[in-house]
Amino acid sequence: MRGMAFAPADLALRSGDEVVWTNDDVVPHTVSAADGAFDSGAIAPGASWRWRAQGEGTHPYACRFHPTMKGELRVR
């Protein structure tokens, strides 16, 4: 997370892969899936959060504090 954006915003994964989001902004962010598959809670500036993909599916996500920050995980 940098510049009020997820980078990369879209990511293709395999089941079992782990994703790490690091907040390089000066404000907290969340990583919150629209389908409820994951929700990081607040990630402080300089902190990270990890999630391991399980099963297949497409998970659009956004920051609850800054809803214009959006991304998508595609798990195969």
C-alpha atoms as a PDB file:
ATOM      1  CA  MET A   1       0.000   0.000   0.000  1.00  0.00           C
ATOM      2  CA  ARG A   2       1.573   3.191  -1.195  1.00  0.00           C
ATOM      3  CA  GLY A   3       0.155   6.449  -2.493  1.00  0.00           C
ATOM      4  CA  MET A   4      -3.346   5.480  -1.333  1.00  0.00           C
ATOM      5  CA  ALA A   5      -3.357   2.440  -3.654  1.00  0.00           C
ATOM      6  CA  PHE A   6      -2.737  -1.302  -3.569  1.00  0.00           C
ATOM      7  CA  ALA A   7       0.221  -2.262  -5.747  1.00  0.00           C
ATOM      8  CA  PRO A   8      -0.282  -4.492  -7.540  1.00  0.00           C
ATOM      9  CA  ALA A   9      -4.029  -4.075  -7.308  1.00  0.00           C
ATOM     10  CA  ASP A  10      -4.821  -7.378  -9.034  1.00  0.00           C
ATOM     11  CA  LEU A  11      -3.005 -10.592  -8.273  1.00  0.00           C
ATOM     12  CA  ALA A  12      -3.345 -14.210  -9.456  1.00  0.00           C
ATOM     13  CA  LEU A  13      -2.517 -16.857  -6.839  1.00  0.00           C
ATOM     14  CA  ARG A  14      -2.593 -20.576  -6.299  1.00  0.00           C
ATOM     15  CA  SER A  15      -4.321 -22.100  -3.317  1.00  0.00           C
ATOM     16  CA  GLY A  16      -1.746 -22.198  -0.515  1.00  0.00           C
ATOM     17  CA  ASP A  17       0.092 -19.048  -1.633  1.00  0.00           C
ATOM     18  CA  GLU A  18       0.593 -16.321   0.939  1.00  0.00           C
ATOM     19  CA  VAL A  19       0.072 -12.621   0.243  1.00  0.00           C
ATOM     20  CA  VAL A  20       1.701  -9.916   2.358  1.00  0.00           C
ATOM     21  CA  TRP A  21       0.424  -6.353   2.354  1.00  0.00           C
ATOM     22  CA  THR A  22       2.778  -3.708   3.776  1.00  0.00           C
ATOM     23  CA  ASN A  23       1.477  -0.248   4.572  1.00  0.00           C
ATOM     24  CA  ASP A  24       3.975   2.266   3.190  1.00  0.00           C
ATOM     25  CA  ASP A  25       1.548   5.178   3.609  1.00  0.00           C
ATOM     26  CA  VAL A  26       1.343   7.575   6.573  1.00  0.00           C
ATOM     27  CA  VAL A  27      -2.257   6.593   7.461  1.00  0.00           C
ATOM     28  CA  PRO A  28      -3.770   3.225   8.456  1.00  0.00           C
ATOM     29  CA  HIS A  29      -5.465   0.993   5.881  1.00  0.00           C
ATOM     30  CA  THR A  30      -7.413  -2.256   5.810  1.00  0.00           C
ATOM     31  CA  VAL A  31      -7.529  -5.162   3.376  1.00  0.00           C
ATOM     32  CA  SER A  32     -11.193  -6.174   3.459  1.00  0.00           C
ATOM     33  CA  ALA A  33     -12.707  -8.716   1.055  1.00  0.00           C
ATOM     34  CA  ALA A  34     -16.181  -7.902  -0.246  1.00  0.00           C
ATOM     35  CA  ASP A  35     -17.191 -11.561   0.238  1.00  0.00           C
ATOM     36  CA  GLY A  36     -15.906 -11.704   3.836  1.00  0.00           C
ATOM     37  CA  ALA A  37     -13.078 -14.127   3.005  1.00  0.00           C
ATOM     38  CA  PHE A  38     -10.577 -11.922   4.855  1.00  0.00           C
ATOM     39  CA  ASP A  39     -10.361  -8.672   6.794  1.00  0.00           C
ATOM     40  CA  SER A  40      -7.072  -7.386   8.130  1.00  0.00           C
ATOM     41  CA  GLY A  41      -8.442  -4.834  10.536  1.00  0.00           C
ATOM     42  CA  ALA A  42      -6.416  -1.616  10.726  1.00  0.00           C
ATOM     43  CA  ILE A  43      -2.854  -1.921   9.419  1.00  0.00           C
ATOM     44  CA  ALA A  44      -0.736   0.861  10.899  1.00  0.00           C
ATOM     45  CA  PRO A  45       1.825   2.750   8.824  1.00  0.00           C
ATOM     46  CA  GLY A  46       4.955   0.610   8.537  1.00  0.00           C
ATOM     47  CA  ALA A  47       3.118  -2.589   9.541  1.00  0.00           C
ATOM     48  CA  SER A  48       2.249  -5.662   7.446  1.00  0.00           C
ATOM     49  CA  TRP A  49      -0.542  -8.230   7.288  1.00  0.00           C
ATOM     50  CA  ARG A  50      -0.490 -11.752   5.761  1.00  0.00           C
ATOM     51  CA  TRP A  51      -3.190 -13.966   4.287  1.00  0.00           C
ATOM     52  CA  ARG A  52      -2.884 -17.517   2.948  1.00  0.00           C
ATOM     53  CA  ALA A  53      -5.185 -18.374   0.029  1.00  0.00           C
ATOM     54  CA  GLN A  54      -7.315 -21.476   0.531  1.00  0.00           C
ATOM     55  CA  GLY A  55      -9.472 -22.931  -2.199  1.00  0.00           C
ATOM     56  CA  GLU A  56     -10.357 -21.294  -5.485  1.00  0.00           C
ATOM     57  CA  GLY A  57     -12.237 -18.081  -6.031  1.00  0.00           C
ATOM     58  CA  THR A  58     -12.128 -14.414  -6.892  1.00  0.00           C
ATOM     59  CA  HIS A  59     -11.984 -11.961  -4.014  1.00  0.00           C
ATOM     60  CA  PRO A  60     -12.490  -8.245  -4.721  1.00  0.00           C
ATOM     61  CA  TYR A  61     -11.222  -6.207  -1.778  1.00  0.00           C
ATOM     62  CA  ALA A  62     -10.922  -2.598  -0.618  1.00  0.00           C
ATOM     63  CA  CYS A  63      -9.732  -0.462   2.249  1.00  0.00           C
ATOM     64  CA  ARG A  64     -12.653   0.246   4.617  1.00  0.00           C
ATOM     65  CA  PHE A  65     -11.112   3.633   5.509  1.00  0.00           C
ATOM     66  CA  HIS A  66     -10.443   4.632   1.878  1.00  0.00           C
ATOM     67  CA  PRO A  67     -12.994   2.847  -0.379  1.00  0.00           C
ATOM     68  CA  THR A  68     -11.382   4.118  -3.589  1.00  0.00           C
ATOM     69  CA  MET A  69      -8.448   1.783  -2.797  1.00  0.00           C
ATOM     70  CA  LYS A  70      -9.502  -1.459  -4.512  1.00  0.00           C
ATOM     71  CA  GLY A  71      -7.932  -4.712  -5.590  1.00  0.00           C
ATOM     72  CA  GLU A  72      -8.744  -8.280  -6.545  1.00  0.00           C
ATOM     73  CA  LEU A  73      -7.225 -11.677  -5.765  1.00  0.00           C
ATOM     74  CA  ARG A  74      -7.869 -14.566  -8.140  1.00  0.00           C
ATOM     75  CA  VAL A  75      -7.092 -17.926  -6.535  1.00  0.00           C
ATOM     76  CA  ARG A  76      -6.773 -21.023  -8.740  1.00  0.00           C
END
